[in-house]
């Protein structure tokens, strides 16, 4: 997932709901020594997060090794040879995962199969009639349009999600994905055309698919018919903790960079991206009905100390959580530092259903508060609908 640096710093918050915090100042220090210390501190926080990510990756590798040995019939030596690792190292990772109680569940072990062309066609034909087809030049569209749990996808990189997936038979979870490998440099459209012809799909439908960047087809009256689909323009989730949790980061920076009309998610206005994302989650069969909460941090330093900073030093003062998914949000510098709930976040919180009307109504600064507000009375965190339940 592409992240961009942000100059964001959000001093949100309503002290009427929470206990007062220690005195803080919204003024920026001009002392170059202080500024340099702040920059070093940001890098330290980023390093700590990287170290934590490395530890989690080690536990995940150990847990998957345990799973492969106990459920997959493999030996540690076989896995080590395949990975090009020393067997004793992998054994140590396995021991650490067991000691930490880090396990892989049956549900997590249900990845959607990615198959090369011949196997893909054979499996799809034997699994039953085609019931649904999704294609896109952007892998995030497949992830969201399928309605499948995020843990069923390999989200280690954008290149790990293919351009074509099909569902067969009556089982809503019986999906197959076409691997990107094995086509000797042919374009994605050519790959898809060859495979769909082998599956017996009508040429008019194949022509429709190969002419559009996104298509979503469903079975209707025993025939596959095209349905309206468009590029969602949403960031691809990032898997953490071996796919047990997922992360999406949203930034406020937007500068249209492509005259072609095919936009990059980093060029989009934050409220628009947030509106589409939360609207999709509200309809998504795996997230619909799952409670959503959020936490706003009063300053960038408070958010960074809590771990909400990426490897590039970008700090995210607004965090929204829904089940195993967290959405980290950052934006521009607030235009009014006396606001306890910055206007820049209102539209995002409204899209998420987390904007308390009474708190927002209190926010237009009164003359006295405009003169006296220097952070007094602000709690370090504002919790919305219970707040978030887990930290990085």
Protein backbone atom coordinates (compact mmCIF):
# COMPACT_ATOMS: atom_id res chain seq x y z
CA UNK A 1 0.00 0.00 0.00
CA UNK A 2 1.39 3.38 -1.00
CA UNK A 3 1.71 5.86 1.77
CA UNK A 4 2.62 9.51 1.45
CA UNK A 5 4.11 11.82 3.97
CA UNK A 6 1.67 14.18 5.59
CA UNK A 7 2.16 17.41 7.45
CA UNK A 8 -0.87 16.57 9.53
CA UNK A 9 -1.32 17.39 13.13
CA UNK A 10 -4.74 17.20 14.64
CA UNK A 11 -5.57 18.71 18.01
CA UNK A 12 -9.10 17.30 18.32
CA UNK A 13 -11.13 16.90 21.38
CA UNK A 14 -13.92 17.59 23.70
CA UNK A 15 -13.04 17.64 27.34
CA UNK A 16 -16.70 17.62 28.37
CA UNK A 17 -16.83 13.86 27.88
CA UNK A 18 -13.45 12.90 29.31
CA UNK A 19 -11.17 13.70 32.18
CA UNK A 20 -8.85 16.69 31.63
CA UNK A 21 -5.40 16.06 30.27
CA UNK A 22 -2.16 17.69 31.35
CA UNK A 23 -1.57 21.14 29.92
CA UNK A 24 -0.48 21.10 26.29
CA UNK A 25 0.46 23.82 23.86
CA UNK A 26 -0.57 24.02 20.24
CA UNK A 27 2.16 26.49 19.41
CA UNK A 28 5.06 25.25 17.32
CA UNK A 29 8.55 25.59 18.71
CA UNK A 30 11.01 27.59 16.64
CA UNK A 31 14.00 26.18 18.53
CA UNK A 32 15.95 24.12 15.94
CA UNK A 33 17.22 21.78 18.66
CA UNK A 34 13.66 20.99 19.70
CA UNK A 35 12.60 20.50 16.10
CA UNK A 36 15.49 18.10 15.53
CA UNK A 37 14.64 16.15 18.68
CA UNK A 38 11.06 15.85 17.44
CA UNK A 39 12.28 14.46 14.11
CA UNK A 40 14.54 11.95 15.84
CA UNK A 41 11.68 10.94 18.12
CA UNK A 42 9.47 10.29 15.08
CA UNK A 43 12.14 8.01 13.59
CA UNK A 44 12.49 6.16 16.89
CA UNK A 45 8.74 5.49 16.89
CA UNK A 46 8.93 4.28 13.29
CA UNK A 47 11.85 1.99 14.19
CA UNK A 48 9.95 0.58 17.15
CA UNK A 49 7.04 -0.23 14.89
CA UNK A 50 9.37 -1.92 12.39
CA UNK A 51 10.92 -4.01 15.16
CA UNK A 52 7.44 -4.97 16.33
CA UNK A 53 6.44 -5.90 12.77
CA UNK A 54 9.55 -8.08 12.44
CA UNK A 55 8.70 -9.88 15.67
CA UNK A 56 5.12 -10.47 14.51
CA UNK A 57 6.40 -11.77 11.16
CA UNK A 58 8.68 -14.21 12.99
CA UNK A 59 5.79 -15.48 15.11
CA UNK A 60 3.61 -15.77 12.01
CA UNK A 61 6.24 -17.83 10.17
CA UNK A 62 6.58 -20.08 13.21
CA UNK A 63 2.82 -20.46 13.50
CA UNK A 64 2.40 -21.35 9.83
CA UNK A 65 5.22 -23.86 10.15
CA UNK A 66 3.39 -25.45 13.08
CA UNK A 67 0.21 -25.51 11.03
CA UNK A 68 1.98 -27.14 8.07
CA UNK A 69 3.50 -29.80 10.29
CA UNK A 70 0.36 -30.62 12.29
CA UNK A 71 -2.24 -30.23 9.53
CA UNK A 72 -0.36 -30.35 6.24
CA UNK A 73 1.79 -33.43 6.64
CA UNK A 74 5.03 -31.54 6.02
CA UNK A 75 8.23 -31.71 8.05
CA UNK A 76 10.29 -28.78 9.29
CA UNK A 77 13.20 -29.98 7.12
CA UNK A 78 11.03 -29.92 3.98
CA UNK A 79 9.77 -26.42 4.74
CA UNK A 80 13.28 -25.16 5.54
CA UNK A 81 14.62 -26.51 2.24
CA UNK A 82 11.78 -24.89 0.31
CA UNK A 83 12.41 -21.53 2.01
CA UNK A 84 16.18 -21.79 1.81
CA UNK A 85 16.45 -21.50 5.60
CA UNK A 86 18.43 -23.36 8.22
CA UNK A 87 16.20 -25.97 9.87
CA UNK A 88 17.24 -24.97 13.39
CA UNK A 89 16.20 -21.36 12.73
CA UNK A 90 12.75 -22.43 11.59
CA UNK A 91 12.48 -24.76 14.59
CA UNK A 92 13.26 -21.80 16.87
CA UNK A 93 10.58 -19.67 15.17
CA UNK A 94 8.11 -22.51 15.69
CA UNK A 95 9.08 -22.73 19.38
CA UNK A 96 8.61 -18.96 19.85
CA UNK A 97 5.17 -19.07 18.23
CA UNK A 98 4.06 -21.96 20.44
CA UNK A 99 5.41 -20.22 23.55
CA UNK A 100 3.52 -17.03 22.66
CA UNK A 101 0.30 -18.95 21.93
CA UNK A 102 0.38 -17.65 18.35
CA UNK A 103 -1.70 -20.09 16.29
CA UNK A 104 -3.29 -20.26 12.85
CA UNK A 105 -6.99 -21.10 12.91
CA UNK A 106 -8.94 -23.21 10.44
CA UNK A 107 -10.62 -20.04 9.18
CA UNK A 108 -7.30 -18.34 8.46
CA UNK A 109 -6.18 -21.40 6.50
CA UNK A 110 -8.88 -20.86 3.87
CA UNK A 111 -7.09 -18.82 1.22
CA UNK A 112 -8.76 -18.57 -2.15
CA UNK A 113 -6.76 -20.81 -4.48
CA UNK A 114 -4.54 -19.10 -7.04
CA UNK A 115 -4.02 -21.48 -9.94
CA UNK A 116 -2.11 -21.42 -13.24
CA UNK A 117 -4.25 -21.39 -16.37
CA UNK A 118 -4.68 -25.14 -17.01
CA UNK A 119 -5.41 -25.97 -13.36
CA UNK A 120 -7.68 -22.93 -13.10
CA UNK A 121 -9.80 -24.08 -16.03
CA UNK A 122 -9.92 -27.72 -14.84
CA UNK A 123 -10.96 -26.74 -11.28
CA UNK A 124 -13.57 -24.23 -12.46
CA UNK A 125 -15.15 -26.70 -14.88
CA UNK A 126 -15.25 -29.50 -12.31
CA UNK A 127 -16.56 -27.28 -9.48
CA UNK A 128 -19.84 -26.56 -11.24
CA UNK A 129 -21.29 -23.93 -13.55
CA UNK A 130 -19.90 -20.42 -13.45
CA UNK A 131 -21.92 -18.28 -11.06
CA UNK A 132 -19.85 -15.10 -10.86
CA UNK A 133 -16.86 -13.49 -12.60
CA UNK A 134 -14.85 -10.47 -11.43
CA UNK A 135 -12.03 -8.88 -13.41
CA UNK A 136 -10.09 -5.69 -12.83
CA UNK A 137 -6.79 -4.06 -13.65
CA UNK A 138 -6.66 -2.97 -9.99
CA UNK A 139 -6.42 -5.84 -7.46
CA UNK A 140 -8.28 -3.90 -4.77
CA UNK A 141 -11.49 -4.13 -6.82
CA UNK A 142 -11.41 -7.95 -6.70
CA UNK A 143 -10.87 -7.92 -2.94
CA UNK A 144 -13.83 -5.63 -2.24
CA UNK A 145 -16.29 -6.72 -4.94
CA UNK A 146 -16.03 -10.42 -4.04
CA UNK A 147 -17.47 -9.85 -0.57
CA UNK A 148 -14.99 -12.37 0.84
CA UNK A 149 -13.17 -12.05 4.18
CA UNK A 150 -9.88 -10.19 3.85
CA UNK A 151 -7.92 -13.10 5.33
CA UNK A 152 -8.78 -15.24 2.29
CA UNK A 153 -6.49 -13.09 0.10
CA UNK A 154 -2.72 -12.91 -0.06
CA UNK A 155 -2.31 -9.19 0.64
CA UNK A 156 1.45 -9.17 1.06
CA UNK A 157 1.72 -6.92 -2.01
CA UNK A 158 -0.39 -5.48 -4.83
CA UNK A 159 1.20 -7.98 -7.20
CA UNK A 160 -0.02 -10.90 -5.10
CA UNK A 161 -3.69 -10.36 -6.08
CA UNK A 162 -4.59 -11.53 -9.64
CA UNK A 163 -6.80 -9.83 -12.22
CA UNK A 164 -9.45 -12.58 -12.52
CA UNK A 165 -11.49 -14.59 -10.03
CA UNK A 166 -14.55 -16.78 -10.57
CA UNK A 167 -17.13 -18.40 -8.33
CA UNK A 168 -18.57 -21.79 -9.25
CA UNK A 169 -21.73 -23.60 -8.18
CA UNK A 170 -24.08 -22.57 -5.38
CA UNK A 171 -21.45 -22.19 -2.65
CA UNK A 172 -20.92 -18.43 -2.06
CA UNK A 173 -17.34 -19.09 -0.92
CA UNK A 174 -16.26 -21.37 -3.79
CA UNK A 175 -13.90 -18.92 -5.52
CA UNK A 176 -10.82 -19.52 -7.67
CA UNK A 177 -8.24 -16.96 -8.79
CA UNK A 178 -6.11 -17.05 -11.92
CA UNK A 179 -2.42 -16.80 -11.09
CA UNK A 180 -0.48 -14.03 -12.78
CA UNK A 181 2.40 -16.34 -13.56
CA UNK A 182 2.93 -18.58 -16.58
CA UNK A 183 1.82 -16.36 -19.46
CA UNK A 184 5.23 -15.39 -20.87
CA UNK A 185 4.62 -11.65 -20.75
CA UNK A 186 1.16 -11.62 -22.33
CA UNK A 187 -1.15 -8.81 -21.24
CA UNK A 188 -3.75 -9.38 -18.53
CA UNK A 189 -6.57 -8.93 -21.06
CA UNK A 190 -5.09 -11.58 -23.36
CA UNK A 191 -4.65 -13.96 -20.42
CA UNK A 192 -8.24 -13.50 -19.33
CA UNK A 193 -9.57 -13.93 -22.88
CA UNK A 194 -7.76 -17.28 -23.33
CA UNK A 195 -9.01 -18.64 -20.00
CA UNK A 196 -12.63 -17.50 -20.45
CA UNK A 197 -12.78 -19.07 -23.92
CA UNK A 198 -11.62 -22.34 -22.37
CA UNK A 199 -14.39 -22.01 -19.77
CA UNK A 200 -17.01 -21.66 -22.51
CA UNK A 201 -18.02 -18.07 -21.80
CA UNK A 202 -19.88 -16.37 -24.66
CA UNK A 203 -17.71 -14.18 -26.89
CA UNK A 204 -19.96 -11.13 -26.44
CA UNK A 205 -19.32 -11.32 -22.69
CA UNK A 206 -15.58 -11.89 -23.20
CA UNK A 207 -15.45 -8.84 -25.49
CA UNK A 208 -17.24 -6.78 -22.83
CA UNK A 209 -14.76 -7.92 -20.17
CA UNK A 210 -11.65 -7.18 -22.19
CA UNK A 211 -12.91 -3.70 -23.14
CA UNK A 212 -13.39 -2.55 -19.54
CA UNK A 213 -10.99 -2.07 -16.66
CA UNK A 214 -13.53 -3.51 -14.19
CA UNK A 215 -16.33 -6.03 -14.72
CA UNK A 216 -18.54 -7.96 -12.34
CA UNK A 217 -20.81 -10.63 -13.81
CA UNK A 218 -23.38 -12.78 -12.06
CA UNK A 219 -25.58 -15.72 -13.02
CA UNK A 220 -29.03 -14.52 -14.03
CA UNK A 221 -31.65 -16.88 -15.46
CA UNK A 222 -28.99 -19.51 -16.16
CA UNK A 223 -26.92 -17.03 -18.19
CA UNK A 224 -24.03 -14.82 -17.20
CA UNK A 225 -25.03 -11.22 -17.68
CA UNK A 226 -22.90 -8.13 -17.27
CA UNK A 227 -23.57 -5.88 -14.32
CA UNK A 228 -22.47 -2.31 -13.76
CA UNK A 229 -19.06 -2.10 -12.14
CA UNK A 230 -16.53 0.67 -11.82
CA UNK A 231 -13.11 1.18 -10.36
CA UNK A 232 -13.64 1.73 -6.64
CA UNK A 233 -10.48 3.76 -6.13
CA UNK A 234 -9.85 2.28 -2.69
CA UNK A 235 -6.53 1.35 -1.09
CA UNK A 236 -5.62 -2.30 -0.82
CA UNK A 237 -5.73 -3.51 2.80
CA UNK A 238 -2.43 -4.49 4.37
CA UNK A 239 -2.30 -7.73 6.34
CA UNK A 240 -0.77 -7.71 9.80
CA UNK A 241 -0.36 -10.49 12.35
CA UNK A 242 -0.29 -13.14 9.61
CA UNK A 243 -3.65 -12.00 8.27
CA UNK A 244 -5.41 -12.06 11.63
CA UNK A 245 -5.85 -8.30 11.37
CA UNK A 246 -5.80 -5.81 8.50
CA UNK A 247 -4.90 -2.16 8.09
CA UNK A 248 -5.93 0.58 5.66
CA UNK A 249 -4.27 4.01 5.72
CA UNK A 250 -6.00 7.10 4.33
CA UNK A 251 -4.14 10.36 3.75
CA UNK A 252 -5.50 13.80 2.98
CA UNK A 253 -2.98 14.64 0.28
CA UNK A 254 -4.48 14.88 -3.19
CA UNK A 255 -2.86 16.24 -6.34
CA UNK A 256 -4.31 14.92 -9.62
CA UNK A 257 -1.33 13.48 -11.45
CA UNK A 258 -2.72 11.53 -14.38
CA UNK A 259 -4.47 13.19 -17.34
CA UNK A 260 -5.67 9.79 -18.55
CA UNK A 261 -8.70 9.71 -16.29
CA UNK A 262 -7.50 6.54 -14.54
CA UNK A 263 -6.71 7.88 -11.11
CA UNK A 264 -4.44 6.65 -8.38
CA UNK A 265 -5.88 6.32 -4.90
CA UNK A 266 -3.27 8.73 -3.55
CA UNK A 267 -4.64 11.47 -5.83
CA UNK A 268 -8.13 11.35 -4.36
CA UNK A 269 -9.80 13.73 -1.96
CA UNK A 270 -9.88 12.12 1.47
CA UNK A 271 -13.62 12.63 2.15
CA UNK A 272 -14.49 10.96 -1.17
CA UNK A 273 -12.29 7.93 -0.51
CA UNK A 274 -13.61 7.64 3.05
CA UNK A 275 -17.20 7.91 1.86
CA UNK A 276 -16.77 5.11 -0.66
CA UNK A 277 -14.86 2.92 1.79
CA UNK A 278 -17.34 3.13 4.65
CA UNK A 279 -20.27 2.86 2.26
CA UNK A 280 -18.78 -0.36 0.91
CA UNK A 281 -18.10 -1.72 4.41
CA UNK A 282 -21.71 -0.99 5.35
CA UNK A 283 -22.81 -3.26 2.48
CA UNK A 284 -20.03 -5.82 2.73
CA UNK A 285 -21.41 -9.19 3.95
CA UNK A 286 -18.40 -9.69 6.26
CA UNK A 287 -18.51 -6.23 7.86
CA UNK A 288 -22.18 -5.25 7.76
CA UNK A 289 -23.48 -5.21 11.31
CA UNK A 290 -20.00 -5.32 12.87
CA UNK A 291 -19.73 -2.43 15.39
CA UNK A 292 -17.48 0.47 14.40
CA UNK A 293 -15.59 2.64 16.85
CA UNK A 294 -12.97 5.34 16.67
CA UNK A 295 -10.37 7.24 18.63
CA UNK A 296 -9.08 10.76 17.94
CA UNK A 297 -5.72 11.70 19.45
CA UNK A 298 -5.29 15.26 20.65
CA UNK A 299 -1.81 15.75 19.21
CA UNK A 300 0.51 14.08 16.77
CA UNK A 301 2.91 13.17 19.56
CA UNK A 302 0.15 11.36 21.49
CA UNK A 303 -0.83 9.37 18.37
CA UNK A 304 2.79 8.53 17.62
CA UNK A 305 3.46 7.40 21.18
CA UNK A 306 0.48 5.03 20.88
CA UNK A 307 2.08 3.46 17.79
CA UNK A 308 -0.01 5.00 15.03
CA UNK A 309 2.92 5.98 12.83
CA UNK A 310 4.11 4.26 9.67
CA UNK A 311 7.61 3.41 8.53
CA UNK A 312 7.90 6.78 6.77
CA UNK A 313 7.18 8.78 9.90
CA UNK A 314 3.60 9.72 8.96
CA UNK A 315 1.45 9.93 12.09
CA UNK A 316 -2.28 9.13 12.05
CA UNK A 317 -4.30 11.04 14.68
CA UNK A 318 -7.65 9.44 13.77
CA UNK A 319 -8.10 5.67 14.00
CA UNK A 320 -11.33 3.86 13.14
CA UNK A 321 -11.83 0.19 13.92
CA UNK A 322 -14.35 -2.36 12.66
CA UNK A 323 -13.74 -5.92 13.77
CA UNK A 324 -10.26 -7.02 12.71
CA UNK A 325 -9.84 -3.99 10.41
CA UNK A 326 -8.31 -0.67 11.43
CA UNK A 327 -8.38 2.46 9.27
CA UNK A 328 -5.73 5.04 10.07
CA UNK A 329 -6.52 8.57 8.88
CA UNK A 330 -4.37 11.67 8.56
CA UNK A 331 -5.08 14.98 6.87
CA UNK A 332 -3.80 18.50 6.50
CA UNK A 333 -2.85 20.90 9.27
CA UNK A 334 -6.09 22.10 10.89
CA UNK A 335 -7.05 25.62 9.86
CA UNK A 336 -8.28 26.43 13.35
CA UNK A 337 -6.24 25.11 16.29
CA UNK A 338 -8.96 26.12 18.76
CA UNK A 339 -11.31 23.45 17.40
CA UNK A 340 -11.44 20.39 19.59
CA UNK A 341 -12.96 18.27 16.82
CA UNK A 342 -11.28 19.52 13.62
CA UNK A 343 -13.49 20.36 10.68
CA UNK A 344 -11.08 18.38 8.47
CA UNK A 345 -12.26 15.15 10.13
CA UNK A 346 -15.99 15.91 10.19
CA UNK A 347 -16.77 14.43 6.78
CA UNK A 348 -14.72 11.28 7.47
CA UNK A 349 -16.43 10.73 10.82
CA UNK A 350 -19.81 11.42 9.24
CA UNK A 351 -19.16 8.78 6.55
CA UNK A 352 -18.14 6.34 9.29
CA UNK A 353 -21.28 7.11 11.31
CA UNK A 354 -19.13 8.33 14.20
CA UNK A 355 -19.70 12.09 14.16
CA UNK A 356 -21.62 12.99 17.35
CA UNK A 357 -23.90 15.87 16.43
CA UNK A 358 -23.77 17.40 19.88
CA UNK A 359 -19.98 17.44 19.90
CA UNK A 360 -19.75 18.90 16.43
CA UNK A 361 -22.29 21.60 17.33
CA UNK A 362 -20.12 22.66 20.25
CA UNK A 363 -17.08 23.08 18.05
CA UNK A 364 -17.46 26.52 16.41
CA UNK A 365 -15.10 28.50 18.62
CA UNK A 366 -16.64 31.05 20.93
CA UNK A 367 -14.79 34.34 21.20
CA UNK A 368 -13.54 33.58 24.70
CA UNK A 369 -12.36 30.08 23.77
CA UNK A 370 -10.64 31.48 20.71
CA UNK A 371 -8.61 33.72 22.96
CA UNK A 372 -7.89 31.26 25.75
CA UNK A 373 -7.66 27.83 24.13
CA UNK A 374 -4.13 26.49 24.39
CA UNK A 375 -5.01 22.86 24.96
CA UNK A 376 -6.48 23.21 28.43
CA UNK A 377 -9.17 20.69 29.20
CA UNK A 378 -8.37 18.40 26.30
CA UNK A 379 -7.99 14.72 27.03
CA UNK A 380 -5.24 12.98 25.04
CA UNK A 381 -7.83 10.74 23.38
CA UNK A 382 -11.46 11.09 22.34
CA UNK A 383 -13.29 7.76 22.13
CA UNK A 384 -16.24 7.48 19.75
CA UNK A 385 -18.68 4.61 20.13
CA UNK A 386 -16.37 2.89 22.61
CA UNK A 387 -13.13 3.71 20.79
CA UNK A 388 -10.58 1.29 19.40
CA UNK A 389 -9.77 -1.96 21.17
CA UNK A 390 -6.24 -2.83 19.98
CA UNK A 391 -2.96 -1.02 19.43
CA UNK A 392 -0.23 -1.67 16.82
